[in-house]
PDB file of all heavy atoms in Angstrom:
ATOM      1  N   VAL A   1      -6.187  -4.984   7.497  1.00  0.00           N
ATOM      2  CA  VAL A   1      -6.739  -5.547   8.725  1.00  0.00           C
ATOM      3  C   VAL A   1      -5.549  -5.987   9.568  1.00  0.00           C
ATOM      4  O   VAL A   1      -4.713  -6.775   9.110  1.00  0.00           O
ATOM      5  CB  VAL A   1      -7.668  -6.745   8.419  1.00  0.00           C
ATOM      6  CG1 VAL A   1      -8.208  -7.344   9.710  1.00  0.00           C
ATOM      7  CG2 VAL A   1      -8.811  -6.312   7.492  1.00  0.00           C
ATOM      8  N   LEU A   2      -5.477  -5.478  10.788  1.00  0.00           N
ATOM      9  CA  LEU A   2      -4.344  -5.791  11.644  1.00  0.00           C
ATOM     10  C   LEU A   2      -4.648  -7.022  12.487  1.00  0.00           C
ATOM     11  O   LEU A   2      -5.719  -7.125  13.095  1.00  0.00           O
ATOM     12  CB  LEU A   2      -3.987  -4.585  12.511  1.00  0.00           C
ATOM     13  CG  LEU A   2      -3.138  -3.527  11.768  1.00  0.00           C
ATOM     14  CD1 LEU A   2      -3.751  -3.049  10.492  1.00  0.00           C
ATOM     15  CD2 LEU A   2      -2.794  -2.385  12.676  1.00  0.00           C
ATOM     16  N   VAL A   3      -3.711  -7.964  12.438  1.00  0.00           N
ATOM     17  CA  VAL A   3      -3.850  -9.262  13.100  1.00  0.00           C
ATOM     18  C   VAL A   3      -2.674  -9.447  14.058  1.00  0.00           C
ATOM     19  O   VAL A   3      -1.679  -8.733  13.954  1.00  0.00           O
ATOM     20  CB  VAL A   3      -3.914 -10.405  12.054  1.00  0.00           C
ATOM     21  CG1 VAL A   3      -5.116 -10.223  11.125  1.00  0.00           C
ATOM     22  CG2 VAL A   3      -2.629 -10.506  11.255  1.00  0.00           C
ATOM     23  N   PRO A   4      -2.744 -10.383  14.993  1.00  0.00           N
ATOM     24  CA  PRO A   4      -1.631 -10.586  15.922  1.00  0.00           C
ATOM     25  C   PRO A   4      -0.310 -10.831  15.186  1.00  0.00           C
ATOM     26  O   PRO A   4      -0.293 -11.466  14.124  1.00  0.00           O
ATOM     27  CB  PRO A   4      -2.052 -11.817  16.733  1.00  0.00           C
ATOM     28  CG  PRO A   4      -3.548 -11.792  16.686  1.00  0.00           C
ATOM     29  CD  PRO A   4      -3.874 -11.280  15.309  1.00  0.00           C
ATOM     30  N   PRO A   5       0.797 -10.320  15.746  1.00  0.00           N
ATOM     31  CA  PRO A   5       2.093 -10.475  15.079  1.00  0.00           C
ATOM     32  C   PRO A   5       2.451 -11.942  14.887  1.00  0.00           C
ATOM     33  O   PRO A   5       2.194 -12.780  15.748  1.00  0.00           O
ATOM     34  CB  PRO A   5       3.080  -9.785  16.027  1.00  0.00           C
ATOM     35  CG  PRO A   5       2.393  -9.728  17.345  1.00  0.00           C
ATOM     36  CD  PRO A   5       0.927  -9.691  17.063  1.00  0.00           C
ATOM     37  N   GLY A   6       2.999 -12.230  13.714  1.00  0.00           N
ATOM     38  CA  GLY A   6       3.408 -13.595  13.412  1.00  0.00           C
ATOM     39  C   GLY A   6       2.307 -14.496  12.907  1.00  0.00           C
ATOM     40  O   GLY A   6       2.555 -15.649  12.571  1.00  0.00           O
ATOM     41  N   THR A   7       1.065 -13.975  12.804  1.00  0.00           N
ATOM     42  CA  THR A   7      -0.051 -14.824  12.374  1.00  0.00           C
ATOM     43  C   THR A   7      -0.552 -14.494  10.976  1.00  0.00           C
ATOM     44  O   THR A   7      -1.363 -15.232  10.420  1.00  0.00           O
ATOM     45  CB  THR A   7      -1.250 -14.735  13.346  1.00  0.00           C
ATOM     46  OG1 THR A   7      -1.808 -13.410  13.287  1.00  0.00           O
ATOM     47  CG2 THR A   7      -0.835 -15.074  14.769  1.00  0.00           C
ATOM     48  N   GLY A   8      -0.080 -13.393  10.395  1.00  0.00           N
ATOM     49  CA  GLY A   8      -0.558 -12.963   9.090  1.00  0.00           C
ATOM     50  C   GLY A   8      -0.357 -14.000   8.007  1.00  0.00           C
ATOM     51  O   GLY A   8      -1.094 -14.028   7.020  1.00  0.00           O
ATOM     52  N   GLY A   9       0.630 -14.867   8.170  1.00  0.00           N
ATOM     53  CA  GLY A   9       0.915 -15.907   7.189  1.00  0.00           C
ATOM     54  C   GLY A   9      -0.281 -16.802   6.905  1.00  0.00           C
ATOM     55  O   GLY A   9      -0.323 -17.460   5.859  1.00  0.00           O
ATOM     56  N   ALA A  10      -1.254 -16.837   7.799  1.00  0.00           N
ATOM     57  CA  ALA A  10      -2.466 -17.629   7.564  1.00  0.00           C
ATOM     58  C   ALA A  10      -3.205 -17.142   6.315  1.00  0.00           C
ATOM     59  O   ALA A  10      -3.968 -17.888   5.714  1.00  0.00           O
ATOM     60  CB  ALA A  10      -3.392 -17.557   8.777  1.00  0.00           C
ATOM     61  N   CYS A  11      -2.947 -15.911   5.909  1.00  0.00           N
ATOM     62  CA  CYS A  11      -3.617 -15.322   4.745  1.00  0.00           C
ATOM     63  C   CYS A  11      -2.783 -15.402   3.474  1.00  0.00           C
ATOM     64  O   CYS A  11      -3.235 -14.961   2.414  1.00  0.00           O
ATOM     65  CB  CYS A  11      -3.968 -13.863   5.041  1.00  0.00           C
ATOM     66  SG  CYS A  11      -5.117 -13.666   6.413  1.00  0.00           S
ATOM     67  N   ASP A  12      -1.575 -15.958   3.562  1.00  0.00           N
ATOM     68  CA  ASP A  12      -0.730 -16.102   2.374  1.00  0.00           C
ATOM     69  C   ASP A  12      -1.418 -16.972   1.336  1.00  0.00           C
ATOM     70  O   ASP A  12      -2.110 -17.935   1.674  1.00  0.00           O
ATOM     71  CB  ASP A  12       0.617 -16.749   2.739  1.00  0.00           C
ATOM     72  CG  ASP A  12       1.606 -15.748   3.311  1.00  0.00           C
ATOM     73  OD1 ASP A  12       1.447 -14.533   3.073  1.00  0.00           O
ATOM     74  OD2 ASP A  12       2.547 -16.186   4.007  1.00  0.00           O
ATOM     75  N   GLY A  13      -1.217 -16.635   0.068  1.00  0.00           N
ATOM     76  CA  GLY A  13      -1.742 -17.451  -1.020  1.00  0.00           C
ATOM     77  C   GLY A  13      -3.179 -17.165  -1.390  1.00  0.00           C
ATOM     78  O   GLY A  13      -3.730 -17.835  -2.261  1.00  0.00           O
ATOM     79  N   ILE A  14      -3.791 -16.165  -0.775  1.00  0.00           N
ATOM     80  CA  ILE A  14      -5.171 -15.817  -1.111  1.00  0.00           C
ATOM     81  C   ILE A  14      -5.127 -14.702  -2.148  1.00  0.00           C
ATOM     82  O   ILE A  14      -4.412 -13.704  -1.972  1.00  0.00           O
ATOM     83  CB  ILE A  14      -5.957 -15.376   0.141  1.00  0.00           C
ATOM     84  CG1 ILE A  14      -6.001 -16.513   1.169  1.00  0.00           C
ATOM     85  CG2 ILE A  14      -7.364 -14.931  -0.238  1.00  0.00           C
ATOM     86  CD1 ILE A  14      -6.610 -16.131   2.505  1.00  0.00           C
ATOM     87  N   LEU A  15      -5.872 -14.854  -3.212  1.00  0.00           N
ATOM     88  CA  LEU A  15      -5.914 -13.890  -4.296  1.00  0.00           C
ATOM     89  C   LEU A  15      -6.301 -12.502  -3.767  1.00  0.00           C
ATOM     90  O   LEU A  15      -7.268 -12.368  -3.028  1.00  0.00           O
ATOM     91  CB  LEU A  15      -6.914 -14.341  -5.358  1.00  0.00           C
ATOM     92  CG  LEU A  15      -6.968 -13.538  -6.646  1.00  0.00           C
ATOM     93  CD1 LEU A  15      -5.624 -13.651  -7.381  1.00  0.00           C
ATOM     94  CD2 LEU A  15      -8.085 -14.047  -7.532  1.00  0.00           C
ATOM     95  N   GLY A  16      -5.509 -11.489  -4.120  1.00  0.00           N
ATOM     96  CA  GLY A  16      -5.796 -10.121  -3.700  1.00  0.00           C
ATOM     97  C   GLY A  16      -5.326  -9.786  -2.301  1.00  0.00           C
ATOM     98  O   GLY A  16      -5.657  -8.729  -1.783  1.00  0.00           O
ATOM     99  N   VAL A  17      -4.546 -10.684  -1.676  1.00  0.00           N
ATOM    100  CA  VAL A  17      -4.100 -10.476  -0.298  1.00  0.00           C
ATOM    101  C   VAL A  17      -2.579 -10.452  -0.249  1.00  0.00           C
ATOM    102  O   VAL A  17      -1.915 -11.261  -0.895  1.00  0.00           O
ATOM    103  CB  VAL A  17      -4.644 -11.590   0.630  1.00  0.00           C
ATOM    104  CG1 VAL A  17      -4.059 -11.479   2.024  1.00  0.00           C
ATOM    105  CG2 VAL A  17      -6.160 -11.533   0.672  1.00  0.00           C
ATOM    106  N   ARG A  18      -2.058  -9.513   0.518  1.00  0.00           N
ATOM    107  CA  ARG A  18      -0.623  -9.415   0.759  1.00  0.00           C
ATOM    108  C   ARG A  18      -0.424  -9.232   2.255  1.00  0.00           C
ATOM    109  O   ARG A  18      -1.150  -8.472   2.891  1.00  0.00           O
ATOM    110  CB  ARG A  18      -0.074  -8.200   0.010  1.00  0.00           C
ATOM    111  CG  ARG A  18       1.409  -8.183  -0.140  1.00  0.00           C
ATOM    112  CD  ARG A  18       1.803  -7.004  -0.964  1.00  0.00           C
ATOM    113  NE  ARG A  18       1.438  -5.805  -0.211  1.00  0.00           N
ATOM    114  CZ  ARG A  18       2.021  -4.638  -0.355  1.00  0.00           C
ATOM    115  NH1 ARG A  18       2.949  -4.467  -1.236  1.00  0.00           N
ATOM    116  NH2 ARG A  18       1.655  -3.628   0.375  1.00  0.00           N
ATOM    117  N   VAL A  19       0.537  -9.925   2.822  1.00  0.00           N
ATOM    118  CA  VAL A  19       0.787  -9.848   4.260  1.00  0.00           C
ATOM    119  C   VAL A  19       2.012  -8.976   4.508  1.00  0.00           C
ATOM    120  O   VAL A  19       3.062  -9.177   3.902  1.00  0.00           O
ATOM    121  CB  VAL A  19       0.993 -11.257   4.867  1.00  0.00           C
ATOM    122  CG1 VAL A  19       1.308 -11.152   6.347  1.00  0.00           C
ATOM    123  CG2 VAL A  19      -0.248 -12.113   4.635  1.00  0.00           C
ATOM    124  N   LEU A  20       1.865  -8.000   5.403  1.00  0.00           N
ATOM    125  CA  LEU A  20       2.959  -7.128   5.798  1.00  0.00           C
ATOM    126  C   LEU A  20       3.365  -7.493   7.219  1.00  0.00           C
ATOM    127  O   LEU A  20       2.573  -7.372   8.146  1.00  0.00           O
ATOM    128  CB  LEU A  20       2.534  -5.661   5.738  1.00  0.00           C
ATOM    129  CG  LEU A  20       1.926  -5.180   4.424  1.00  0.00           C
ATOM    130  CD1 LEU A  20       1.464  -3.738   4.545  1.00  0.00           C
ATOM    131  CD2 LEU A  20       2.902  -5.341   3.292  1.00  0.00           C
ATOM    132  N   SER A  21       4.595  -7.971   7.369  1.00  0.00           N
ATOM    133  CA  SER A  21       5.107  -8.360   8.680  1.00  0.00           C
ATOM    134  C   SER A  21       6.483  -7.731   8.842  1.00  0.00           C
ATOM    135  O   SER A  21       6.699  -6.618   8.360  1.00  0.00           O
ATOM    136  CB  SER A  21       5.135  -9.887   8.800  1.00  0.00           C
ATOM    137  OG  SER A  21       5.350 -10.270  10.142  1.00  0.00           O
ATOM    138  N   HIS A  22       7.416  -8.420   9.490  1.00  0.00           N
ATOM    139  CA  HIS A  22       8.753  -7.864   9.726  1.00  0.00           C
ATOM    140  C   HIS A  22       9.350  -7.328   8.434  1.00  0.00           C
ATOM    141  O   HIS A  22       9.276  -7.972   7.392  1.00  0.00           O
ATOM    142  CB  HIS A  22       9.679  -8.923  10.331  1.00  0.00           C
ATOM    143  CG  HIS A  22       9.347  -9.237  11.753  1.00  0.00           C
ATOM    144  ND1 HIS A  22       9.648  -8.390  12.781  1.00  0.00           N
ATOM    145  CD2 HIS A  22       8.711 -10.294  12.299  1.00  0.00           C
ATOM    146  CE1 HIS A  22       9.222  -8.912  13.917  1.00  0.00           C
ATOM    147  NE2 HIS A  22       8.635 -10.078  13.647  1.00  0.00           N
ATOM    148  N   GLY A  23       9.934  -6.146   8.522  1.00  0.00           N
ATOM    149  CA  GLY A  23      10.572  -5.528   7.370  1.00  0.00           C
ATOM    150  C   GLY A  23       9.660  -4.588   6.591  1.00  0.00           C
ATOM    151  O   GLY A  23      10.111  -3.898   5.690  1.00  0.00           O
ATOM    152  N   TYR A  24       8.385  -4.546   6.917  1.00  0.00           N
ATOM    153  CA  TYR A  24       7.436  -3.651   6.257  1.00  0.00           C
ATOM    154  C   TYR A  24       6.986  -2.579   7.231  1.00  0.00           C
ATOM    155  O   TYR A  24       7.032  -2.761   8.453  1.00  0.00           O
ATOM    156  CB  TYR A  24       6.202  -4.420   5.764  1.00  0.00           C
ATOM    157  CG  TYR A  24       6.484  -5.320   4.594  1.00  0.00           C
ATOM    158  CD1 TYR A  24       6.829  -6.653   4.796  1.00  0.00           C
ATOM    159  CD2 TYR A  24       6.406  -4.844   3.294  1.00  0.00           C
ATOM    160  CE1 TYR A  24       7.086  -7.490   3.724  1.00  0.00           C
ATOM    161  CE2 TYR A  24       6.664  -5.677   2.218  1.00  0.00           C
ATOM    162  CZ  TYR A  24       6.998  -6.989   2.439  1.00  0.00           C
ATOM    163  OH  TYR A  24       7.253  -7.816   1.379  1.00  0.00           O
ATOM    164  N   GLN A  25       6.508  -1.474   6.683  1.00  0.00           N
ATOM    165  CA  GLN A  25       5.921  -0.402   7.475  1.00  0.00           C
ATOM    166  C   GLN A  25       4.589  -0.024   6.864  1.00  0.00           C
ATOM    167  O   GLN A  25       4.366  -0.200   5.661  1.00  0.00           O
ATOM    168  CB  GLN A  25       6.843   0.813   7.517  1.00  0.00           C
ATOM    169  CG  GLN A  25       8.137   0.548   8.243  1.00  0.00           C
ATOM    170  CD  GLN A  25       8.962   1.811   8.390  1.00  0.00           C
ATOM    171  OE1 GLN A  25       8.544   2.912   8.050  1.00  0.00           O
ATOM    172  NE2 GLN A  25      10.160   1.651   8.914  1.00  0.00           N
ATOM    173  N   LEU A  26       3.706   0.504   7.714  1.00  0.00           N
ATOM    174  CA  LEU A  26       2.377   0.908   7.271  1.00  0.00           C
ATOM    175  C   LEU A  26       2.159   2.357   7.674  1.00  0.00           C
ATOM    176  O   LEU A  26       2.489   2.750   8.795  1.00  0.00           O
ATOM    177  CB  LEU A  26       1.321  -0.002   7.923  1.00  0.00           C
ATOM    178  CG  LEU A  26      -0.118   0.187   7.505  1.00  0.00           C
ATOM    179  CD1 LEU A  26      -0.306  -0.120   6.022  1.00  0.00           C
ATOM    180  CD2 LEU A  26      -1.028  -0.724   8.334  1.00  0.00           C
ATOM    181  N   LEU A  27       1.621   3.161   6.767  1.00  0.00           N
ATOM    182  CA  LEU A  27       1.315   4.557   7.035  1.00  0.00           C
ATOM    183  C   LEU A  27       0.008   4.629   7.815  1.00  0.00           C
ATOM    184  O   LEU A  27      -1.013   4.123   7.362  1.00  0.00           O
ATOM    185  CB  LEU A  27       1.189   5.320   5.714  1.00  0.00           C
ATOM    186  CG  LEU A  27       1.077   6.831   5.805  1.00  0.00           C
ATOM    187  CD1 LEU A  27       2.371   7.433   6.370  1.00  0.00           C
ATOM    188  CD2 LEU A  27       0.789   7.407   4.430  1.00  0.00           C
ATOM    189  N   VAL A  28       0.053   5.244   9.010  1.00  0.00           N
ATOM    190  CA  VAL A  28      -1.145   5.342   9.851  1.00  0.00           C
ATOM    191  C   VAL A  28      -1.348   6.785  10.309  1.00  0.00           C
ATOM    192  O   VAL A  28      -0.382   7.525  10.489  1.00  0.00           O
ATOM    193  CB  VAL A  28      -1.063   4.408  11.082  1.00  0.00           C
ATOM    194  CG1 VAL A  28      -0.975   2.962  10.674  1.00  0.00           C
ATOM    195  CG2 VAL A  28       0.087   4.776  11.978  1.00  0.00           C
ATOM    196  N   PRO A  29      -2.614   7.186  10.482  1.00  0.00           N
ATOM    197  CA  PRO A  29      -2.892   8.523  10.996  1.00  0.00           C
ATOM    198  C   PRO A  29      -2.523   8.608  12.479  1.00  0.00           C
ATOM    199  O   PRO A  29      -2.829   7.706  13.252  1.00  0.00           O
ATOM    200  CB  PRO A  29      -4.399   8.684  10.835  1.00  0.00           C
ATOM    201  CG  PRO A  29      -4.884   7.499  10.099  1.00  0.00           C
ATOM    202  CD  PRO A  29      -3.825   6.460  10.146  1.00  0.00           C
ATOM    203  N   THR A  30      -1.835   9.683  12.844  1.00  0.00           N
ATOM    204  CA  THR A  30      -1.506   9.911  14.256  1.00  0.00           C
ATOM    205  C   THR A  30      -1.774  11.363  14.593  1.00  0.00           C
ATOM    206  O   THR A  30      -1.174  12.236  13.979  1.00  0.00           O
ATOM    207  CB  THR A  30      -0.030   9.589  14.553  1.00  0.00           C
ATOM    208  OG1 THR A  30       0.788  10.342  13.670  1.00  0.00           O
ATOM    209  CG2 THR A  30       0.285   8.129  14.412  1.00  0.00           C
ATOM    210  N   PRO A  31      -2.679  11.642  15.485  1.00  0.00           N
ATOM    211  CA  PRO A  31      -3.596  10.729  16.167  1.00  0.00           C
ATOM    212  C   PRO A  31      -4.660  10.199  15.200  1.00  0.00           C
ATOM    213  O   PRO A  31      -4.748  10.691  14.073  1.00  0.00           O
ATOM    214  CB  PRO A  31      -4.212  11.605  17.264  1.00  0.00           C
ATOM    215  CG  PRO A  31      -4.156  12.994  16.726  1.00  0.00           C
ATOM    216  CD  PRO A  31      -2.914  13.050  15.866  1.00  0.00           C
ATOM    217  N   PRO A  32      -5.464   9.245  15.650  1.00  0.00           N
ATOM    218  CA  PRO A  32      -6.428   8.596  14.761  1.00  0.00           C
ATOM    219  C   PRO A  32      -7.393   9.552  14.050  1.00  0.00           C
ATOM    220  O   PRO A  32      -7.831   9.265  12.949  1.00  0.00           O
ATOM    221  CB  PRO A  32      -7.211   7.662  15.693  1.00  0.00           C
ATOM    222  CG  PRO A  32      -6.267   7.372  16.802  1.00  0.00           C
ATOM    223  CD  PRO A  32      -5.464   8.634  16.984  1.00  0.00           C
ATOM    224  N   GLU A  33      -7.681  10.697  14.649  1.00  0.00           N
ATOM    225  CA  GLU A  33      -8.620  11.636  14.034  1.00  0.00           C
ATOM    226  C   GLU A  33      -8.031  12.315  12.801  1.00  0.00           C
ATOM    227  O   GLU A  33      -8.739  12.932  12.022  1.00  0.00           O
ATOM    228  CB  GLU A  33      -9.018  12.751  15.008  1.00  0.00           C
ATOM    229  CG  GLU A  33      -9.520  12.329  16.353  1.00  0.00           C
ATOM    230  CD  GLU A  33      -8.421  11.861  17.298  1.00  0.00           C
ATOM    231  OE1 GLU A  33      -7.422  12.578  17.506  1.00  0.00           O
ATOM    232  OE2 GLU A  33      -8.573  10.762  17.832  1.00  0.00           O
ATOM    233  N   HIS A  34      -6.734  12.229  12.611  1.00  0.00           N
ATOM    234  CA  HIS A  34      -6.064  12.936  11.524  1.00  0.00           C
ATOM    235  C   HIS A  34      -5.883  12.043  10.296  1.00  0.00           C
ATOM    236  O   HIS A  34      -4.798  11.944   9.747  1.00  0.00           O
ATOM    237  CB  HIS A  34      -4.714  13.484  12.000  1.00  0.00           C
ATOM    238  CG  HIS A  34      -4.870  14.632  12.926  1.00  0.00           C
ATOM    239  ND1 HIS A  34      -4.696  15.926  12.520  1.00  0.00           N
ATOM    240  CD2 HIS A  34      -5.206  14.689  14.227  1.00  0.00           C
ATOM    241  CE1 HIS A  34      -4.907  16.739  13.540  1.00  0.00           C
ATOM    242  NE2 HIS A  34      -5.224  16.006  14.584  1.00  0.00           N
TER     243      HIS A  34
END
């Protein structure tokens, strides 16, 4: 789930949750249909 930059830390410490911010990359379909 994509959230505003710098705000993902609100989800830190929740079981089963990992926050990806600076220094991480996410694989996304480009364009979205692919």
